[in-house]
Amino acid sequence: MKQTAFSKADAYFTAGDEPTDLLEAWRWDNGDADAAIMRFAGTGPEMDAQSRKNAADCLAALAKADKDAEKIANSS
């Protein structure tokens, strides 16, 4: 799904006007989200304080990546 979203967004730009700083931030934040999801998945079925923190980290990282994507879309 990320690749489809990236391909769609990338079609709006040429090499001359591509917002490389925004794209790089989006890539990093998606990587952070992936890592947070893996931490959450690795905590097991118990919902202790660490599991809740991992879940909150997932949501925050995904929200940050969504904001990056919105910035990219608004710069086209």
N, C-alpha and C. Protein backbone atom coordinates (compact mmCIF):
# COMPACT_ATOMS: atom_id res chain seq x y z
N MET A 1 0.82 -1.19 0.00
CA MET A 1 0.00 0.00 0.00
C MET A 1 0.86 1.26 0.00
N LYS A 2 1.95 1.27 0.77
CA LYS A 2 2.81 2.45 0.80
C LYS A 2 3.36 2.74 -0.59
N GLN A 3 3.75 1.68 -1.31
CA GLN A 3 4.33 1.89 -2.63
C GLN A 3 3.30 2.49 -3.57
N THR A 4 2.06 2.06 -3.50
CA THR A 4 1.01 2.62 -4.34
C THR A 4 0.81 4.10 -4.01
N ALA A 5 0.76 4.43 -2.74
CA ALA A 5 0.60 5.83 -2.32
C ALA A 5 1.80 6.65 -2.79
N PHE A 6 3.00 6.09 -2.64
CA PHE A 6 4.20 6.79 -3.08
C PHE A 6 4.16 7.02 -4.58
N SER A 7 3.84 5.99 -5.34
CA SER A 7 3.80 6.12 -6.80
C SER A 7 2.80 7.17 -7.24
N LYS A 8 1.66 7.20 -6.57
CA LYS A 8 0.62 8.18 -6.91
C LYS A 8 1.13 9.59 -6.62
N ALA A 9 1.73 9.78 -5.45
CA ALA A 9 2.24 11.11 -5.09
C ALA A 9 3.40 11.51 -5.99
N ASP A 10 4.26 10.56 -6.31
CA ASP A 10 5.43 10.84 -7.12
C ASP A 10 5.05 11.30 -8.53
N ALA A 11 3.91 10.88 -9.02
CA ALA A 11 3.46 11.26 -10.37
C ALA A 11 3.18 12.75 -10.49
N TYR A 12 2.99 13.44 -9.38
CA TYR A 12 2.71 14.88 -9.41
C TYR A 12 3.95 15.73 -9.63
N PHE A 13 5.14 15.13 -9.55
CA PHE A 13 6.37 15.90 -9.56
C PHE A 13 7.30 15.48 -10.69
N THR A 14 8.18 16.41 -11.05
CA THR A 14 9.28 16.10 -11.95
C THR A 14 10.55 16.10 -11.11
N ALA A 15 11.66 15.74 -11.70
CA ALA A 15 12.92 15.76 -10.96
C ALA A 15 13.27 17.16 -10.48
N GLY A 16 12.81 18.18 -11.20
CA GLY A 16 13.13 19.56 -10.85
C GLY A 16 12.33 20.14 -9.69
N ASP A 17 11.13 19.62 -9.46
CA ASP A 17 10.31 20.22 -8.41
C ASP A 17 9.93 19.22 -7.31
N GLU A 18 10.56 18.07 -7.32
CA GLU A 18 10.26 17.05 -6.32
C GLU A 18 10.71 17.52 -4.94
N PRO A 19 9.82 17.46 -3.94
CA PRO A 19 10.18 17.90 -2.59
C PRO A 19 10.97 16.82 -1.84
N THR A 20 12.24 16.71 -2.18
CA THR A 20 13.04 15.61 -1.66
C THR A 20 13.12 15.59 -0.14
N ASP A 21 13.15 16.76 0.49
CA ASP A 21 13.21 16.78 1.95
C ASP A 21 11.94 16.21 2.56
N LEU A 22 10.78 16.52 1.96
CA LEU A 22 9.52 15.98 2.46
C LEU A 22 9.42 14.48 2.21
N LEU A 23 9.88 14.06 1.05
CA LEU A 23 9.85 12.63 0.73
C LEU A 23 10.76 11.84 1.68
N GLU A 24 11.91 12.41 1.97
CA GLU A 24 12.83 11.73 2.89
C GLU A 24 12.23 11.63 4.29
N ALA A 25 11.58 12.70 4.75
CA ALA A 25 10.92 12.66 6.06
C ALA A 25 9.83 11.59 6.07
N TRP A 26 9.07 11.51 4.98
CA TRP A 26 8.00 10.51 4.88
C TRP A 26 8.58 9.10 4.95
N ARG A 27 9.68 8.86 4.25
CA ARG A 27 10.31 7.54 4.28
C ARG A 27 10.79 7.18 5.70
N TRP A 28 11.44 8.13 6.36
CA TRP A 28 11.92 7.88 7.72
C TRP A 28 10.77 7.62 8.67
N ASP A 29 9.71 8.43 8.57
CA ASP A 29 8.59 8.26 9.48
C ASP A 29 7.84 6.95 9.23
N ASN A 30 7.78 6.51 7.97
CA ASN A 30 7.20 5.20 7.69
C ASN A 30 8.07 4.10 8.29
N GLY A 31 9.37 4.27 8.25
CA GLY A 31 10.26 3.30 8.88
C GLY A 31 10.08 3.26 10.38
N ASP A 32 9.92 4.44 10.99
CA ASP A 32 9.66 4.50 12.43
C ASP A 32 8.34 3.81 12.76
N ALA A 33 7.33 4.01 11.93
CA ALA A 33 6.03 3.37 12.15
C ALA A 33 6.17 1.85 12.06
N ASP A 34 6.91 1.39 11.07
CA ASP A 34 7.12 -0.05 10.90
C ASP A 34 7.80 -0.63 12.14
N ALA A 35 8.82 0.04 12.63
CA ALA A 35 9.53 -0.44 13.83
C ALA A 35 8.61 -0.44 15.05
N ALA A 36 7.78 0.59 15.18
CA ALA A 36 6.85 0.67 16.32
C ALA A 36 5.82 -0.45 16.25
N ILE A 37 5.35 -0.76 15.05
CA ILE A 37 4.39 -1.85 14.89
C ILE A 37 5.05 -3.18 15.29
N MET A 38 6.28 -3.37 14.89
CA MET A 38 6.99 -4.61 15.25
C MET A 38 7.18 -4.72 16.76
N ARG A 39 7.51 -3.60 17.42
CA ARG A 39 7.64 -3.62 18.88
C ARG A 39 6.31 -3.97 19.53
N PHE A 40 5.23 -3.37 19.04
CA PHE A 40 3.91 -3.65 19.60
C PHE A 40 3.54 -5.12 19.38
N ALA A 41 3.78 -5.62 18.18
CA ALA A 41 3.45 -7.02 17.87
C ALA A 41 4.27 -7.97 18.74
N GLY A 42 5.47 -7.57 19.08
CA GLY A 42 6.35 -8.43 19.86
C GLY A 42 6.05 -8.46 21.34
N THR A 43 5.16 -7.59 21.82
CA THR A 43 4.88 -7.55 23.25
C THR A 43 3.93 -8.66 23.69
N GLY A 44 3.30 -9.32 22.76
CA GLY A 44 2.41 -10.42 23.12
C GLY A 44 1.01 -9.95 23.46
N PRO A 45 0.18 -10.87 23.92
CA PRO A 45 -1.24 -10.56 24.11
C PRO A 45 -1.55 -9.72 25.36
N GLU A 46 -0.62 -9.65 26.30
CA GLU A 46 -0.91 -8.89 27.52
C GLU A 46 -0.86 -7.39 27.24
N MET A 47 -1.81 -6.65 27.80
CA MET A 47 -1.85 -5.20 27.60
C MET A 47 -1.36 -4.51 28.87
N ASP A 48 -0.08 -4.59 29.10
CA ASP A 48 0.52 -3.92 30.23
C ASP A 48 0.95 -2.51 29.82
N ALA A 49 1.63 -1.82 30.69
CA ALA A 49 2.04 -0.44 30.42
C ALA A 49 2.93 -0.35 29.18
N GLN A 50 3.84 -1.31 29.00
CA GLN A 50 4.72 -1.29 27.84
C GLN A 50 3.93 -1.51 26.55
N SER A 51 2.96 -2.41 26.58
CA SER A 51 2.13 -2.64 25.39
C SER A 51 1.34 -1.40 25.02
N ARG A 52 0.80 -0.72 26.01
CA ARG A 52 0.05 0.51 25.73
C ARG A 52 0.96 1.60 25.16
N LYS A 53 2.19 1.68 25.70
CA LYS A 53 3.15 2.65 25.16
C LYS A 53 3.50 2.30 23.71
N ASN A 54 3.72 1.02 23.44
CA ASN A 54 4.04 0.60 22.08
C ASN A 54 2.89 0.90 21.13
N ALA A 55 1.66 0.68 21.58
CA ALA A 55 0.50 0.98 20.74
C ALA A 55 0.41 2.48 20.47
N ALA A 56 0.64 3.29 21.49
CA ALA A 56 0.61 4.75 21.32
C ALA A 56 1.72 5.20 20.38
N ASP A 57 2.90 4.58 20.48
CA ASP A 57 4.01 4.91 19.58
C ASP A 57 3.65 4.60 18.13
N CYS A 58 2.96 3.48 17.92
CA CYS A 58 2.50 3.11 16.56
C CYS A 58 1.60 4.19 15.99
N LEU A 59 0.60 4.57 16.76
CA LEU A 59 -0.36 5.57 16.29
C LEU A 59 0.31 6.91 16.03
N ALA A 60 1.23 7.30 16.90
CA ALA A 60 1.92 8.58 16.72
C ALA A 60 2.79 8.56 15.46
N ALA A 61 3.51 7.46 15.25
CA ALA A 61 4.38 7.37 14.07
C ALA A 61 3.56 7.36 12.78
N LEU A 62 2.44 6.65 12.78
CA LEU A 62 1.58 6.62 11.60
C LEU A 62 0.97 8.00 11.33
N ALA A 63 0.57 8.69 12.39
CA ALA A 63 0.01 10.04 12.23
C ALA A 63 1.07 10.99 11.66
N LYS A 64 2.31 10.86 12.12
CA LYS A 64 3.39 11.71 11.61
C LYS A 64 3.63 11.44 10.13
N ALA A 65 3.63 10.16 9.73
CA ALA A 65 3.81 9.82 8.32
C ALA A 65 2.65 10.35 7.48
N ASP A 66 1.43 10.30 8.02
CA ASP A 66 0.28 10.86 7.30
C ASP A 66 0.43 12.37 7.10
N LYS A 67 0.93 13.06 8.10
CA LYS A 67 1.15 14.51 7.97
C LYS A 67 2.21 14.80 6.92
N ASP A 68 3.25 13.97 6.89
CA ASP A 68 4.28 14.12 5.85
C ASP A 68 3.66 13.97 4.47
N ALA A 69 2.82 12.95 4.29
CA ALA A 69 2.18 12.72 3.00
C ALA A 69 1.27 13.90 2.62
N GLU A 70 0.60 14.46 3.61
CA GLU A 70 -0.25 15.62 3.35
C GLU A 70 0.58 16.83 2.88
N LYS A 71 1.73 17.02 3.52
CA LYS A 71 2.62 18.11 3.10
C LYS A 71 3.10 17.91 1.66
N ILE A 72 3.42 16.66 1.33
CA ILE A 72 3.85 16.35 -0.04
C ILE A 72 2.73 16.66 -1.03
N ALA A 73 1.53 16.22 -0.69
CA ALA A 73 0.38 16.47 -1.59
C ALA A 73 0.11 17.96 -1.75
N ASN A 74 0.27 18.71 -0.69
CA ASN A 74 0.00 20.16 -0.75
C ASN A 74 1.10 20.94 -1.46
N SER A 75 2.26 20.33 -1.66
CA SER A 75 3.34 21.05 -2.32
C SER A 75 3.31 20.87 -3.82
N SER A 76 2.41 20.03 -4.33
CA SER A 76 2.35 19.81 -5.79
C SER A 76 1.65 20.94 -6.50
